[in-house]
C-alpha atoms as a PDB file:
ATOM      1  CA  MET A   1       0.736  -8.599 -12.714  1.00  0.00           C
ATOM      2  CA  PRO A   2      -0.205  -5.195 -12.711  1.00  0.00           C
ATOM      3  CA  GLN A   3       1.852  -2.405 -10.799  1.00  0.00           C
ATOM      4  CA  ARG A   4       0.893   0.887  -9.697  1.00  0.00           C
ATOM      5  CA  PHE A   5       3.137   3.822 -10.792  1.00  0.00           C
ATOM      6  CA  ALA A   6       2.944   7.478 -10.049  1.00  0.00           C
ATOM      7  CA  SER A   7       2.667   8.950 -13.743  1.00  0.00           C
ATOM      8  CA  GLU A   8       2.324   7.392 -17.120  1.00  0.00           C
ATOM      9  CA  ALA A   9       5.843   8.378 -18.126  1.00  0.00           C
ATOM     10  CA  GLU A  10       7.198   6.332 -14.982  1.00  0.00           C
ATOM     11  CA  ALA A  11       5.247   3.127 -16.218  1.00  0.00           C
ATOM     12  CA  GLN A  12       6.425   3.620 -20.007  1.00  0.00           C
ATOM     13  CA  SER A  13       9.965   3.974 -18.552  1.00  0.00           C
ATOM     14  CA  GLU A  14       9.529   0.641 -16.652  1.00  0.00           C
ATOM     15  CA  ILE A  15       8.029  -0.992 -19.618  1.00  0.00           C
ATOM     16  CA  ASN A  16      10.917   0.027 -21.701  1.00  0.00           C
ATOM     17  CA  GLU A  17      13.419  -1.394 -19.218  1.00  0.00           C
ATOM     18  CA  VAL A  18      11.527  -4.756 -19.067  1.00  0.00           C
ATOM     19  CA  VAL A  19      11.419  -5.006 -22.882  1.00  0.00           C
ATOM     20  CA  THR A  20      15.248  -4.261 -23.157  1.00  0.00           C
ATOM     21  CA  ASP A  21      16.300  -6.697 -20.152  1.00  0.00           C
ATOM     22  CA  SER A  22      13.832  -9.558 -22.089  1.00  0.00           C
ATOM     23  CA  LYS A  23      15.678  -8.914 -25.498  1.00  0.00           C
ATOM     24  CA  ILE A  24      19.115  -9.323 -23.709  1.00  0.00           C
ATOM     25  CA  GLU A  25      17.753 -12.533 -21.927  1.00  0.00           C
ATOM     26  CA  HIS A  26      16.311 -13.965 -24.932  1.00  0.00           C
ATOM     27  CA  LEU A  27      19.865 -13.190 -26.923  1.00  0.00           C
ATOM     28  CA  ALA A  28      21.384 -15.065 -24.039  1.00  0.00           C
ATOM     29  CA  GLY A  29      19.084 -18.248 -24.649  1.00  0.00           C
ATOM     30  CA  ASN A  30      17.251 -17.691 -21.001  1.00  0.00           C
ATOM     31  CA  LEU A  31      13.804 -16.520 -22.937  1.00  0.00           C
ATOM     32  CA  THR A  32      12.048 -18.269 -25.749  1.00  0.00           C
ATOM     33  CA  SER A  33      11.110 -14.943 -27.115  1.00  0.00           C
ATOM     34  CA  ALA A  34      11.496 -11.328 -26.043  1.00  0.00           C
ATOM     35  CA  TYR A  35       8.778  -8.961 -24.778  1.00  0.00           C
ATOM     36  CA  ASP A  36       7.432  -6.004 -27.148  1.00  0.00           C
ATOM     37  CA  VAL A  37       6.327  -2.576 -25.891  1.00  0.00           C
ATOM     38  CA  GLY A  38       2.805  -3.717 -27.287  1.00  0.00           C
ATOM     39  CA  ASP A  39       2.887  -6.467 -24.942  1.00  0.00           C
ATOM     40  CA  PHE A  40       1.882  -3.828 -22.010  1.00  0.00           C
ATOM     41  CA  LYS A  41      -0.949  -1.701 -21.345  1.00  0.00           C
ATOM     42  CA  VAL A  42      -0.768   1.422 -19.107  1.00  0.00           C
ATOM     43  CA  LEU A  43      -4.387   2.209 -17.820  1.00  0.00           C
ATOM     44  CA  ASP A  44      -5.363   5.246 -15.756  1.00  0.00           C
ATOM     45  CA  SER A  45      -6.396   3.430 -12.127  1.00  0.00           C
ATOM     46  CA  THR A  46      -8.107   6.407 -10.998  1.00  0.00           C
ATOM     47  CA  ASP A  47     -10.801   5.759 -13.756  1.00  0.00           C
ATOM     48  CA  PRO A  48     -13.453   4.296 -11.443  1.00  0.00           C
ATOM     49  CA  ILE A  49     -14.287   1.448 -14.056  1.00  0.00           C
ATOM     50  CA  ILE A  50     -10.813   0.767 -14.446  1.00  0.00           C
ATOM     51  CA  ALA A  51     -10.086   0.764 -10.853  1.00  0.00           C
ATOM     52  CA  ALA A  52     -13.179  -1.547  -9.839  1.00  0.00           C
ATOM     53  CA  MET A  53     -11.813  -3.946 -12.789  1.00  0.00           C
ATOM     54  CA  LEU A  54      -8.155  -4.089 -11.281  1.00  0.00           C
ATOM     55  CA  LEU A  55      -9.289  -4.768  -8.019  1.00  0.00           C
ATOM     56  CA  GLU A  56     -11.604  -7.606  -8.833  1.00  0.00           C
ATOM     57  CA  GLU A  57      -9.151  -9.334 -10.979  1.00  0.00           C
ATOM     58  CA  PHE A  58      -6.099  -8.486  -8.725  1.00  0.00           C
ATOM     59  CA  PRO A  59      -7.390  -8.115  -5.056  1.00  0.00           C
ATOM     60  CA  ASP A  60      -3.998  -7.799  -3.642  1.00  0.00           C
ATOM     61  CA  LEU A  61      -3.660  -4.381  -5.081  1.00  0.00           C
ATOM     62  CA  ALA A  62      -6.516  -3.155  -2.604  1.00  0.00           C
ATOM     63  CA  GLN A  63      -3.850  -1.657  -0.157  1.00  0.00           C
ATOM     64  CA  ASP A  64      -2.542   0.434  -2.816  1.00  0.00           C
ATOM     65  CA  ALA A  65      -5.648   1.538  -4.619  1.00  0.00           C
ATOM     66  CA  PRO A  66      -6.922   5.129  -4.651  1.00  0.00           C
ATOM     67  CA  SER A  67     -10.065   5.376  -2.896  1.00  0.00           C
ATOM     68  CA  ILE A  68     -13.106   5.263  -5.138  1.00  0.00           C
ATOM     69  CA  ALA A  69     -16.094   7.523  -4.144  1.00  0.00           C
ATOM     70  CA  SER A  70     -19.320   5.086  -3.678  1.00  0.00           C
ATOM     71  CA  GLU A  71     -21.240   6.999  -6.382  1.00  0.00           C
ATOM     72  CA  ASN A  72     -18.450   6.671  -8.755  1.00  0.00           C
ATOM     73  CA  GLN A  73     -18.473   2.775  -8.507  1.00  0.00           C
ATOM     74  CA  PRO A  74     -19.564   0.928 -11.657  1.00  0.00           C
ATOM     75  CA  THR A  75     -23.027  -0.842 -11.042  1.00  0.00           C
ATOM     76  CA  PRO A  76     -22.713  -4.748 -11.837  1.00  0.00           C
END
């Protein structure tokens, strides 16, 4: 599930934490495999096309979404 962060650095820090935690859980036998940094992607949700795509796939993020000017919204 996507999450919003204030900066790319904050997002990357969270990714690193999840990866580290998953490695610990994997070694403990609680996960079949650990996550890798490559399993995650940081996107700029202020980009109108990315914002529209995220909101289409994950409408529950709408309350946290930055507003998109109508002239910047992609056409179907």
